[in-house]
């Protein structure tokens, strides 16, 4: 500890601080520039096919509202509130925000204070020394107050690059949260439509069972009238019973979809149930827009892009390690006894220091760390471009599936109508005794098969419409990511 003249304080402080302020603008490492992504002028599968629904169908956030289903709307809104996977991602985001604050703290000095009281004494209060004369031992207390300031000057931008990296990583977490939310919402919608398809299948099989009962009564009457053999009756009975078995089996798949929806909404399956309801007949198809906008509409693409900046900033952190670490420190202390004399001028002590440390040999460690940071960034670029390509593929897949399924639905509806006419005609011919009952069985089986196919096509169209909305980002925009100024909020997105 040094005692310094008060008049020199300003000179001692001015030199290092001024040097630090002059050099504070130096930030080593490459500044982030977003790499080019794969491009496409238009979606191929949109050529010659124009969706018939309004362009603002998913611009309102609650993208599932395009289906006009109050029950689906109620369930979807429970996802943000109760889904445990989303809660996990939300906690991960808040953790990332805390890391940003932790990195920012490195820009500021560390200040510590301390207090100490020491009491000392020796010998007895009264005694005789070696010469025979009496003395009194000295007993007393010393009081000390001290303060210390340490400041690591971010001369080369190492801390600022770390803040940049942590901020971008927090935005990655925000995008991951948005992607997890969209994935859970889409999964719930798919499970919901699959469950409603099971309801529709149960209704179809119930109606078919009733139609087969009527056929069974016809064969029974024909047998009693002597115009048909018992074989027709047994054949009709077998057909009825096998269809009843199919109807019972529908309950297995429906229960599984119901259990999945319960978990997605954060509820135990034992306390959750959905009443039977019809499957939607209208299949909304949202416009895909142009491929270039997809980069701003998908949270997974935004996460990959933000991850590149986080990795790019780490290159600067690694490069900054080549340069000296410069820091300032200051110590102030007052000590005295008794307490009333603690702040007397002669009891004040202080010191200031500026230090610089540089590693001159580390066996190539720093160059290896820089190379590792660069290759990690290059990997991030490749992952980003692959994410963009995958997004294009998913949109094209959904568009092509919807286009083909739309054509198939029209053809399948015609087949159902024809099969119904064939059943009616064949059954009337059987009543008239002009055809065998096996012809009726064949036509009825054909009708049921076509009706089931038509239902499956409608189910697939609804599922693919959900897939398309998810592939387009569900109305999400890159502008929904929290900015640097918003990093102190608990949640980056609103449901």
Protein backbone atom coordinates (compact mmCIF):
# COMPACT_ATOMS: atom_id res chain seq x y z
CA UNK A 1 0.00 0.00 0.00
CA UNK A 2 1.29 3.43 -0.94
CA UNK A 3 0.45 6.81 0.53
CA UNK A 4 0.03 9.22 -2.34
CA UNK A 5 -0.10 12.97 -2.36
CA UNK A 6 -3.68 14.25 -2.82
CA UNK A 7 -2.59 16.60 -5.56
CA UNK A 8 -1.46 13.76 -7.81
CA UNK A 9 -4.79 11.92 -7.78
CA UNK A 10 -6.13 13.47 -10.96
CA UNK A 11 -2.95 12.75 -12.88
CA UNK A 12 -2.86 9.13 -11.80
CA UNK A 13 -6.51 8.54 -12.76
CA UNK A 14 -6.44 10.48 -16.00
CA UNK A 15 -3.79 8.47 -17.83
CA UNK A 16 -5.24 4.94 -17.79
CA UNK A 17 -8.87 6.05 -18.01
CA UNK A 18 -8.19 8.33 -20.95
CA UNK A 19 -6.29 5.57 -22.72
CA UNK A 20 -9.16 3.18 -22.06
CA UNK A 21 -11.72 5.61 -23.43
CA UNK A 22 -9.64 6.20 -26.57
CA UNK A 23 -9.28 2.49 -27.24
CA UNK A 24 -12.83 1.56 -26.21
CA UNK A 25 -14.03 1.87 -29.78
CA UNK A 26 -11.72 -0.95 -30.92
CA UNK A 27 -13.61 -4.23 -31.33
CA UNK A 28 -11.60 -7.02 -32.91
CA UNK A 29 -13.12 -9.82 -34.96
CA UNK A 30 -15.40 -9.80 -38.01
CA UNK A 31 -18.59 -7.74 -37.93
CA UNK A 32 -21.63 -9.87 -38.70
CA UNK A 33 -23.02 -9.83 -42.22
CA UNK A 34 -25.95 -12.14 -42.93
CA UNK A 35 -24.83 -14.74 -45.51
CA UNK A 36 -26.81 -15.26 -48.68
CA UNK A 37 -29.51 -17.91 -48.53
CA UNK A 38 -30.88 -20.18 -51.27
CA UNK A 39 -33.44 -18.36 -53.41
CA UNK A 40 -36.40 -19.27 -55.59
CA UNK A 41 -38.50 -16.87 -57.70
CA UNK A 42 -41.77 -18.66 -56.91
CA UNK A 43 -43.16 -21.86 -55.50
CA UNK A 44 -43.35 -24.41 -58.29
CA UNK A 45 -46.49 -26.11 -56.96
CA UNK A 46 -48.47 -22.86 -57.12
CA UNK A 47 -48.34 -22.73 -60.91
CA UNK A 48 -51.81 -23.05 -62.35
CA UNK A 49 -53.43 -23.35 -58.93
CA UNK A 50 -54.91 -20.38 -57.07
CA UNK A 51 -56.13 -20.85 -53.48
CA UNK A 52 -59.60 -19.43 -53.02
CA UNK A 53 -59.22 -18.02 -49.54
CA UNK A 54 -58.27 -14.47 -48.46
CA UNK A 55 -54.64 -13.48 -48.18
CA UNK A 56 -54.95 -12.24 -44.59
CA UNK A 57 -56.11 -15.61 -43.32
CA UNK A 58 -53.16 -16.16 -40.97
CA UNK A 59 -52.04 -12.60 -40.33
CA UNK A 60 -53.80 -12.36 -36.99
CA UNK A 61 -51.65 -14.75 -34.97
CA UNK A 62 -54.43 -17.21 -34.09
CA UNK A 63 -53.99 -19.07 -37.37
CA UNK A 64 -56.38 -21.87 -36.40
CA UNK A 65 -59.28 -19.41 -36.59
CA UNK A 66 -59.44 -20.10 -40.36
CA UNK A 67 -61.20 -23.37 -39.52
CA UNK A 68 -64.08 -21.63 -37.71
CA UNK A 69 -64.20 -24.29 -35.00
CA UNK A 70 -64.89 -22.92 -31.47
CA UNK A 71 -63.74 -26.14 -29.80
CA UNK A 72 -60.44 -26.12 -31.66
CA UNK A 73 -60.02 -22.45 -30.78
CA UNK A 74 -60.58 -23.23 -27.07
CA UNK A 75 -58.05 -26.05 -27.09
CA UNK A 76 -55.41 -24.09 -28.99
CA UNK A 77 -55.52 -21.25 -26.50
CA UNK A 78 -54.80 -23.72 -23.71
CA UNK A 79 -51.47 -24.67 -25.30
CA UNK A 80 -49.68 -21.47 -24.22
CA UNK A 81 -51.14 -21.68 -20.73
CA UNK A 82 -50.62 -25.34 -19.88
CA UNK A 83 -48.27 -27.07 -22.33
CA UNK A 84 -45.21 -28.17 -20.37
CA UNK A 85 -42.88 -28.29 -23.36
CA UNK A 86 -43.59 -24.63 -24.10
CA UNK A 87 -43.04 -23.78 -20.43
CA UNK A 88 -39.64 -25.46 -20.68
CA UNK A 89 -38.69 -23.40 -23.75
CA UNK A 90 -39.94 -20.24 -22.05
CA UNK A 91 -37.71 -20.93 -19.04
CA UNK A 92 -34.83 -21.56 -21.44
CA UNK A 93 -35.42 -18.14 -22.98
CA UNK A 94 -35.40 -16.41 -19.58
CA UNK A 95 -32.17 -18.21 -18.79
CA UNK A 96 -30.67 -16.85 -22.03
CA UNK A 97 -31.78 -13.32 -21.10
CA UNK A 98 -30.08 -13.72 -17.72
CA UNK A 99 -26.87 -14.67 -19.53
CA UNK A 100 -27.10 -11.42 -21.52
CA UNK A 101 -27.30 -9.46 -18.25
CA UNK A 102 -24.38 -11.51 -16.93
CA UNK A 103 -22.29 -10.61 -19.97
CA UNK A 104 -23.21 -6.93 -19.71
CA UNK A 105 -22.02 -6.84 -16.11
CA UNK A 106 -18.47 -7.28 -17.42
CA UNK A 107 -18.54 -3.74 -18.82
CA UNK A 108 -18.80 -2.20 -15.36
CA UNK A 109 -16.30 -1.97 -12.50
CA UNK A 110 -16.54 -4.24 -9.49
CA UNK A 111 -16.79 -2.32 -6.24
CA UNK A 112 -16.31 -3.91 -2.85
CA UNK A 113 -16.24 -2.47 0.66
CA UNK A 114 -15.06 -3.88 3.97
CA UNK A 115 -14.94 -3.02 7.63
CA UNK A 116 -12.70 -4.35 10.35
CA UNK A 117 -12.31 -3.87 14.07
CA UNK A 118 -9.24 -5.27 15.83
CA UNK A 119 -8.58 -5.18 19.55
CA UNK A 120 -5.06 -5.90 20.79
CA UNK A 121 -3.40 -6.15 24.17
CA UNK A 122 -0.42 -7.67 26.03
CA UNK A 123 0.70 -8.39 29.60
CA UNK A 124 -1.23 -7.45 32.74
CA UNK A 125 -2.79 -4.13 33.50
CA UNK A 126 -0.31 -3.57 36.34
CA UNK A 127 3.12 -5.18 36.56
CA UNK A 128 6.85 -4.73 37.25
CA UNK A 129 9.42 -4.72 34.54
CA UNK A 130 12.89 -6.24 34.67
CA UNK A 131 14.36 -3.11 36.15
CA UNK A 132 11.90 -3.18 38.95
CA UNK A 133 9.88 -0.20 37.79
CA UNK A 134 6.11 -0.46 37.24
CA UNK A 135 4.40 -0.08 33.84
CA UNK A 136 0.93 -0.28 32.28
CA UNK A 137 0.36 -2.42 29.19
CA UNK A 138 -1.21 -0.84 26.13
CA UNK A 139 -4.66 -2.26 25.26
CA UNK A 140 -6.88 -0.78 22.54
CA UNK A 141 -8.92 -1.24 19.34
CA UNK A 142 -8.20 -0.30 15.73
CA UNK A 143 -11.06 0.36 13.31
CA UNK A 144 -10.66 0.10 9.55
CA UNK A 145 -12.94 0.93 6.61
CA UNK A 146 -11.80 0.01 3.10
CA UNK A 147 -13.11 0.17 -0.45
CA UNK A 148 -11.80 -1.51 -3.57
CA UNK A 149 -12.57 -0.94 -7.28
CA UNK A 150 -11.50 -3.29 -10.06
CA UNK A 151 -12.29 -2.53 -13.68
CA UNK A 152 -11.39 -4.75 -16.59
CA UNK A 153 -11.23 -2.33 -19.52
CA UNK A 154 -12.85 -3.82 -22.61
CA UNK A 155 -10.16 -2.32 -24.84
CA UNK A 156 -10.34 -4.96 -27.57
CA UNK A 157 -14.07 -5.61 -27.42
CA UNK A 158 -13.96 -9.09 -25.90
CA UNK A 159 -16.80 -8.34 -23.50
CA UNK A 160 -18.80 -6.51 -26.15
CA UNK A 161 -18.46 -9.48 -28.52
CA UNK A 162 -19.62 -11.76 -25.72
CA UNK A 163 -22.63 -9.53 -25.16
CA UNK A 164 -23.35 -9.63 -28.88
CA UNK A 165 -23.13 -13.43 -28.84
CA UNK A 166 -25.30 -13.79 -25.74
CA UNK A 167 -27.92 -11.41 -27.14
CA UNK A 168 -28.11 -13.35 -30.41
CA UNK A 169 -28.31 -16.61 -28.43
CA UNK A 170 -31.23 -15.19 -26.44
CA UNK A 171 -32.96 -14.39 -29.72
CA UNK A 172 -32.30 -17.98 -30.80
CA UNK A 173 -34.06 -19.13 -27.64
CA UNK A 174 -36.96 -16.79 -28.39
CA UNK A 175 -37.25 -18.24 -31.90
CA UNK A 176 -37.01 -21.77 -30.49
CA UNK A 177 -39.87 -20.91 -28.15
CA UNK A 178 -41.95 -19.63 -31.06
CA UNK A 179 -41.14 -22.75 -33.05
CA UNK A 180 -42.06 -25.03 -30.14
CA UNK A 181 -45.34 -23.15 -29.73
CA UNK A 182 -46.15 -23.43 -33.44
CA UNK A 183 -45.23 -27.12 -33.44
CA UNK A 184 -47.46 -27.84 -30.43
CA UNK A 185 -50.33 -25.87 -31.95
CA UNK A 186 -50.01 -27.67 -35.29
CA UNK A 187 -49.75 -31.07 -33.61
CA UNK A 188 -52.88 -30.34 -31.62
CA UNK A 189 -54.76 -29.27 -34.75
CA UNK A 190 -53.70 -32.45 -36.59
CA UNK A 191 -54.71 -34.63 -33.65
CA UNK A 192 -58.00 -32.76 -33.40
CA UNK A 193 -58.87 -33.30 -37.07
CA UNK A 194 -57.82 -36.93 -36.85
CA UNK A 195 -60.11 -37.36 -33.86
CA UNK A 196 -62.98 -35.70 -35.73
CA UNK A 197 -62.26 -38.03 -38.66
CA UNK A 198 -62.72 -40.95 -36.27
CA UNK A 199 -66.04 -39.42 -35.22
CA UNK A 200 -67.03 -39.13 -38.86
CA UNK A 201 -65.95 -42.72 -39.51
CA UNK A 202 -68.01 -43.90 -36.53
CA UNK A 203 -71.02 -42.05 -37.92
CA UNK A 204 -70.46 -43.56 -41.37
CA UNK A 205 -70.17 -47.08 -39.97
CA UNK A 206 -73.22 -46.57 -37.77
CA UNK A 207 -75.26 -45.55 -40.79
CA UNK A 208 -73.83 -48.48 -42.74
CA UNK A 209 -74.76 -50.90 -39.95
CA UNK A 210 -78.32 -49.62 -40.09
CA UNK A 211 -78.39 -50.03 -43.89
CA UNK A 212 -77.07 -53.58 -43.54
CA UNK A 213 -79.78 -54.33 -40.98
CA UNK A 214 -82.36 -53.33 -43.54
CA UNK A 215 -80.66 -55.59 -46.08
CA UNK A 216 -80.74 -58.40 -43.55
CA UNK A 217 -84.49 -57.92 -43.09
CA UNK A 218 -84.94 -58.02 -46.87
CA UNK A 219 -83.06 -61.32 -47.17
CA UNK A 220 -85.05 -62.71 -44.26
CA UNK A 221 -88.32 -61.76 -45.94
CA UNK A 222 -87.13 -63.20 -49.24
CA UNK A 223 -86.19 -66.44 -47.51
CA UNK A 224 -89.54 -66.69 -45.75
CA UNK A 225 -91.29 -66.00 -49.04
CA UNK A 226 -89.31 -68.84 -50.62
CA UNK A 227 -87.69 -66.64 -53.24
CA UNK A 228 -84.21 -66.79 -51.71
CA UNK A 229 -82.08 -69.33 -49.91
CA UNK A 230 -80.81 -69.18 -46.36
CA UNK A 231 -77.35 -68.49 -47.77
CA UNK A 232 -78.41 -64.91 -48.62
CA UNK A 233 -79.54 -64.38 -45.04
CA UNK A 234 -76.30 -65.75 -43.57
CA UNK A 235 -74.22 -63.68 -46.00
CA UNK A 236 -76.08 -60.49 -45.03
CA UNK A 237 -75.71 -61.35 -41.34
CA UNK A 238 -71.96 -61.86 -41.73
CA UNK A 239 -71.60 -58.52 -43.49
CA UNK A 240 -73.54 -56.78 -40.71
CA UNK A 241 -71.49 -58.34 -37.92
CA UNK A 242 -68.12 -57.56 -39.55
CA UNK A 243 -69.14 -53.92 -39.97
CA UNK A 244 -70.23 -53.77 -36.33
CA UNK A 245 -66.75 -55.01 -35.38
CA UNK A 246 -65.19 -52.19 -37.46
CA UNK A 247 -67.39 -49.69 -35.63
CA UNK A 248 -66.19 -50.93 -32.25
CA UNK A 249 -62.53 -50.69 -33.33
CA UNK A 250 -62.91 -46.97 -34.11
CA UNK A 251 -62.94 -46.26 -30.37
CA UNK A 252 -59.32 -47.35 -29.93
CA UNK A 253 -57.81 -44.74 -32.27
CA UNK A 254 -60.18 -42.01 -31.10
CA UNK A 255 -59.18 -42.56 -27.48
CA UNK A 256 -55.50 -42.23 -28.38
CA UNK A 257 -56.05 -38.94 -30.17
CA UNK A 258 -58.04 -37.68 -27.20
CA UNK A 259 -55.23 -38.64 -24.82
CA UNK A 260 -52.67 -36.84 -27.03
CA UNK A 261 -54.77 -33.67 -27.05
CA UNK A 262 -55.06 -33.83 -23.27
CA UNK A 263 -51.27 -33.91 -22.87
CA UNK A 264 -50.77 -31.09 -25.38
CA UNK A 265 -53.11 -28.91 -23.34
CA UNK A 266 -51.36 -29.84 -20.09
CA UNK A 267 -54.07 -32.07 -18.66
CA UNK A 268 -54.03 -35.68 -17.48
CA UNK A 269 -55.91 -37.91 -19.95
CA UNK A 270 -58.03 -39.35 -17.15
CA UNK A 271 -59.77 -36.01 -16.58
CA UNK A 272 -60.13 -34.91 -20.20
CA UNK A 273 -62.74 -35.77 -22.80
CA UNK A 274 -64.15 -34.37 -26.02
CA UNK A 275 -67.70 -34.92 -27.11
CA UNK A 276 -68.47 -36.22 -30.57
CA UNK A 277 -68.63 -33.58 -33.30
CA UNK A 278 -68.56 -33.58 -37.13
CA UNK A 279 -65.43 -33.23 -39.23
CA UNK A 280 -65.08 -29.92 -41.04
CA UNK A 281 -66.16 -29.95 -44.67
CA UNK A 282 -64.44 -26.74 -45.76
CA UNK A 283 -60.67 -26.96 -46.17
CA UNK A 284 -59.05 -23.50 -46.02
CA UNK A 285 -55.93 -23.09 -48.12
CA UNK A 286 -53.83 -20.04 -47.29
CA UNK A 287 -51.76 -18.31 -49.98
CA UNK A 288 -48.08 -19.20 -49.82
CA UNK A 289 -46.81 -15.81 -51.00
CA UNK A 290 -43.32 -15.70 -52.50
CA UNK A 291 -40.34 -17.76 -51.29
CA UNK A 292 -38.23 -14.75 -50.28
CA UNK A 293 -40.71 -13.80 -47.55
CA UNK A 294 -40.44 -17.28 -46.04
CA UNK A 295 -37.11 -16.30 -44.50
CA UNK A 296 -38.94 -13.78 -42.31
CA UNK A 297 -41.94 -15.97 -41.54
CA UNK A 298 -40.42 -19.11 -40.04
CA UNK A 299 -39.08 -19.16 -36.47
CA UNK A 300 -36.70 -22.04 -37.21
CA UNK A 301 -35.07 -20.00 -40.00
CA UNK A 302 -34.82 -17.01 -37.66
CA UNK A 303 -33.21 -19.22 -35.01
CA UNK A 304 -30.64 -20.51 -37.49
CA UNK A 305 -29.87 -16.95 -38.66
CA UNK A 306 -29.48 -15.60 -35.11
CA UNK A 307 -27.27 -18.55 -34.24
CA UNK A 308 -24.90 -17.46 -37.02
CA UNK A 309 -24.44 -14.05 -35.40
CA UNK A 310 -23.84 -15.65 -32.01
CA UNK A 311 -21.13 -17.86 -33.54
CA UNK A 312 -19.65 -14.95 -35.52
CA UNK A 313 -19.28 -12.91 -32.33
CA UNK A 314 -17.43 -15.80 -30.71
CA UNK A 315 -14.72 -15.38 -33.35
CA UNK A 316 -14.15 -11.87 -31.98
CA UNK A 317 -14.03 -13.21 -28.43
CA UNK A 318 -11.35 -15.69 -29.46
CA UNK A 319 -9.31 -13.09 -31.37
CA UNK A 320 -9.44 -10.66 -28.43
CA UNK A 321 -7.52 -13.20 -26.36
CA UNK A 322 -4.42 -12.37 -28.48
CA UNK A 323 -4.27 -8.87 -26.98
CA UNK A 324 -3.20 -7.72 -23.51
CA UNK A 325 -5.76 -7.69 -20.74
CA UNK A 326 -5.77 -4.15 -19.32
CA UNK A 327 -7.42 -3.33 -16.02
CA UNK A 328 -7.62 -0.56 -13.44
CA UNK A 329 -7.76 -0.98 -9.69
CA UNK A 330 -8.17 1.45 -6.83
CA UNK A 331 -8.00 0.97 -3.07
CA UNK A 332 -9.04 3.38 -0.37
CA UNK A 333 -8.75 2.81 3.37
CA UNK A 334 -9.17 4.68 6.63
CA UNK A 335 -7.90 3.26 9.91
CA UNK A 336 -7.76 4.75 13.34
CA UNK A 337 -8.42 4.49 17.03
CA UNK A 338 -10.68 5.53 18.57
CA UNK A 339 -13.60 5.73 16.14
CA UNK A 340 -13.80 9.50 16.50
CA UNK A 341 -10.37 9.78 14.85
CA UNK A 342 -11.20 7.38 12.02
CA UNK A 343 -11.64 10.05 9.37
CA UNK A 344 -8.73 12.27 10.27
CA UNK A 345 -6.64 13.15 7.24
CA UNK A 346 -3.53 11.37 8.51
CA UNK A 347 -5.50 8.10 8.81
CA UNK A 348 -6.45 7.95 5.13
CA UNK A 349 -4.67 5.61 2.72
CA UNK A 350 -5.29 4.96 -0.94
CA UNK A 351 -3.66 3.55 -4.03
CA UNK A 352 -4.31 3.37 -7.75
CA UNK A 353 -2.91 0.93 -10.28
CA UNK A 354 -3.18 0.11 -13.95
CA UNK A 355 -2.10 -3.35 -15.04
CA UNK A 356 -1.64 -5.14 -18.31
CA UNK A 357 -1.10 -8.85 -18.81
CA UNK A 358 -0.22 -10.69 -21.99
CA UNK A 359 0.41 -14.38 -22.56
CA UNK A 360 3.53 -14.78 -24.68
CA UNK A 361 3.37 -18.55 -25.24
CA UNK A 362 0.55 -21.07 -24.93
CA UNK A 363 1.47 -23.76 -27.40
CA UNK A 364 -0.89 -22.56 -30.14
CA UNK A 365 -4.00 -22.61 -27.90
CA UNK A 366 -5.36 -19.25 -29.03
CA UNK A 367 -4.91 -19.89 -32.73
CA UNK A 368 -6.71 -23.21 -32.26
CA UNK A 369 -9.55 -21.46 -30.43
CA UNK A 370 -9.90 -18.90 -33.25
CA UNK A 371 -9.95 -21.67 -35.85
CA UNK A 372 -12.55 -23.58 -33.84
CA UNK A 373 -14.73 -20.46 -33.64
CA UNK A 374 -14.44 -19.91 -37.40
CA UNK A 375 -15.37 -23.49 -38.24
CA UNK A 376 -18.33 -23.35 -35.85
CA UNK A 377 -19.54 -20.27 -37.69
CA UNK A 378 -19.13 -22.02 -41.04
CA UNK A 379 -21.16 -24.92 -39.68
CA UNK A 380 -23.84 -22.45 -38.59
CA UNK A 381 -23.96 -21.00 -42.12
CA UNK A 382 -24.43 -24.46 -43.61
CA UNK A 383 -27.17 -25.27 -41.08
CA UNK A 384 -28.92 -21.99 -41.89
CA UNK A 385 -28.94 -22.66 -45.62
CA UNK A 386 -30.12 -26.22 -45.07
CA UNK A 387 -32.95 -24.93 -42.86
CA UNK A 388 -34.03 -22.58 -45.65
CA UNK A 389 -33.96 -25.40 -48.21
CA UNK A 390 -35.98 -27.65 -45.90
CA UNK A 391 -38.52 -24.87 -45.44
CA UNK A 392 -38.93 -24.53 -49.21
CA UNK A 393 -39.37 -28.28 -49.49
CA UNK A 394 -42.03 -28.39 -46.75
CA UNK A 395 -44.06 -25.64 -48.41
CA UNK A 396 -43.79 -27.31 -51.82
CA UNK A 397 -44.77 -30.67 -50.31
CA UNK A 398 -47.84 -29.21 -48.62
CA UNK A 399 -48.88 -27.29 -51.75
CA UNK A 400 -48.53 -30.32 -54.00
CA UNK A 401 -50.40 -32.53 -51.54
CA UNK A 402 -53.27 -30.05 -51.30
CA UNK A 403 -53.44 -29.64 -55.06
CA UNK A 404 -53.54 -33.39 -55.70
CA UNK A 405 -55.93 -34.07 -52.82
CA UNK A 406 -58.29 -31.38 -54.11
CA UNK A 407 -58.47 -33.15 -57.45
CA UNK A 408 -58.81 -36.53 -55.74
CA UNK A 409 -61.65 -35.26 -53.55
CA UNK A 410 -63.65 -34.24 -56.60
CA UNK A 411 -63.13 -37.61 -58.28
CA UNK A 412 -63.85 -39.51 -55.07
CA UNK A 413 -67.12 -37.67 -54.50
CA UNK A 414 -68.26 -38.70 -57.96
CA UNK A 415 -67.31 -42.31 -57.18
CA UNK A 416 -69.38 -42.23 -53.97
CA UNK A 417 -72.40 -40.88 -55.81
CA UNK A 418 -72.10 -43.59 -58.47
CA UNK A 419 -71.66 -46.31 -55.86
CA UNK A 420 -74.81 -45.19 -54.04
CA UNK A 421 -76.82 -45.40 -57.26
CA UNK A 422 -75.36 -48.85 -57.92
CA UNK A 423 -76.39 -50.11 -54.47
CA UNK A 424 -79.94 -48.84 -54.89
CA UNK A 425 -80.29 -50.37 -58.37
CA UNK A 426 -78.78 -53.73 -57.36
CA UNK A 427 -80.90 -54.00 -54.22
CA UNK A 428 -84.07 -53.32 -56.24
CA UNK A 429 -83.00 -55.94 -58.75
CA UNK A 430 -82.46 -58.44 -55.95
CA UNK A 431 -85.95 -57.74 -54.61
CA UNK A 432 -87.26 -58.41 -58.08
CA UNK A 433 -85.33 -61.68 -58.18
CA UNK A 434 -83.22 -60.78 -61.21
CA UNK A 435 -79.78 -60.79 -59.50
CA UNK A 436 -78.16 -62.85 -56.76
CA UNK A 437 -77.54 -61.33 -53.35
CA UNK A 438 -73.80 -61.54 -53.91
CA UNK A 439 -74.19 -58.65 -56.33
CA UNK A 440 -75.74 -56.59 -53.55
CA UNK A 441 -72.88 -57.47 -51.21
CA UNK A 442 -70.30 -56.42 -53.80
CA UNK A 443 -71.96 -53.05 -54.46
CA UNK A 444 -72.46 -52.32 -50.77
CA UNK A 445 -68.81 -53.12 -50.03
CA UNK A 446 -67.79 -50.88 -52.93
CA UNK A 447 -69.90 -48.05 -51.57
CA UNK A 448 -68.46 -48.34 -48.07
CA UNK A 449 -64.92 -48.43 -49.44
CA UNK A 450 -65.53 -45.30 -51.51
CA UNK A 451 -67.16 -43.48 -48.60
CA UNK A 452 -64.21 -44.34 -46.38
CA UNK A 453 -61.81 -43.15 -49.07
CA UNK A 454 -63.70 -39.87 -49.44
CA UNK A 455 -63.52 -39.38 -45.67
CA UNK A 456 -59.80 -40.16 -45.66
CA UNK A 457 -59.20 -37.63 -48.44
CA UNK A 458 -61.07 -34.93 -46.51
CA UNK A 459 -59.08 -35.80 -43.40
CA UNK A 460 -55.81 -35.61 -45.34
CA UNK A 461 -56.73 -32.26 -46.85
CA UNK A 462 -57.35 -30.77 -43.42
CA UNK A 463 -54.08 -32.20 -42.09
CA UNK A 464 -52.17 -30.89 -45.11
CA UNK A 465 -53.71 -27.45 -44.68
CA UNK A 466 -52.33 -27.43 -41.13
CA UNK A 467 -48.96 -28.55 -42.48
CA UNK A 468 -48.99 -25.71 -44.99
CA UNK A 469 -49.78 -23.11 -42.34
CA UNK A 470 -47.01 -24.49 -40.15
CA UNK A 471 -44.58 -24.53 -43.10
CA UNK A 472 -45.43 -20.86 -43.71
CA UNK A 473 -44.72 -19.94 -40.09
CA UNK A 474 -48.28 -19.71 -38.74
CA UNK A 475 -48.40 -15.92 -39.10
CA UNK A 476 -45.13 -15.45 -37.18
CA UNK A 477 -42.68 -12.73 -38.28
CA UNK A 478 -38.98 -12.26 -37.57
CA UNK A 479 -39.91 -8.84 -36.18
CA UNK A 480 -41.54 -10.68 -33.26
CA UNK A 481 -38.09 -11.53 -31.91
CA UNK A 482 -37.20 -9.46 -28.82
CA UNK A 483 -34.80 -6.62 -29.44
CA UNK A 484 -31.76 -5.84 -27.32
CA UNK A 485 -33.82 -3.28 -25.40
CA UNK A 486 -36.51 -5.87 -24.65
CA UNK A 487 -34.19 -8.44 -23.16
CA UNK A 488 -35.38 -7.65 -19.64
CA UNK A 489 -38.95 -8.83 -20.28
CA UNK A 490 -39.91 -12.29 -18.99
CA UNK A 491 -41.42 -13.61 -22.22
CA UNK A 492 -40.49 -12.59 -25.78
CA UNK A 493 -43.74 -13.37 -27.57
CA UNK A 494 -47.40 -13.05 -26.98
CA UNK A 495 -49.72 -15.99 -27.65
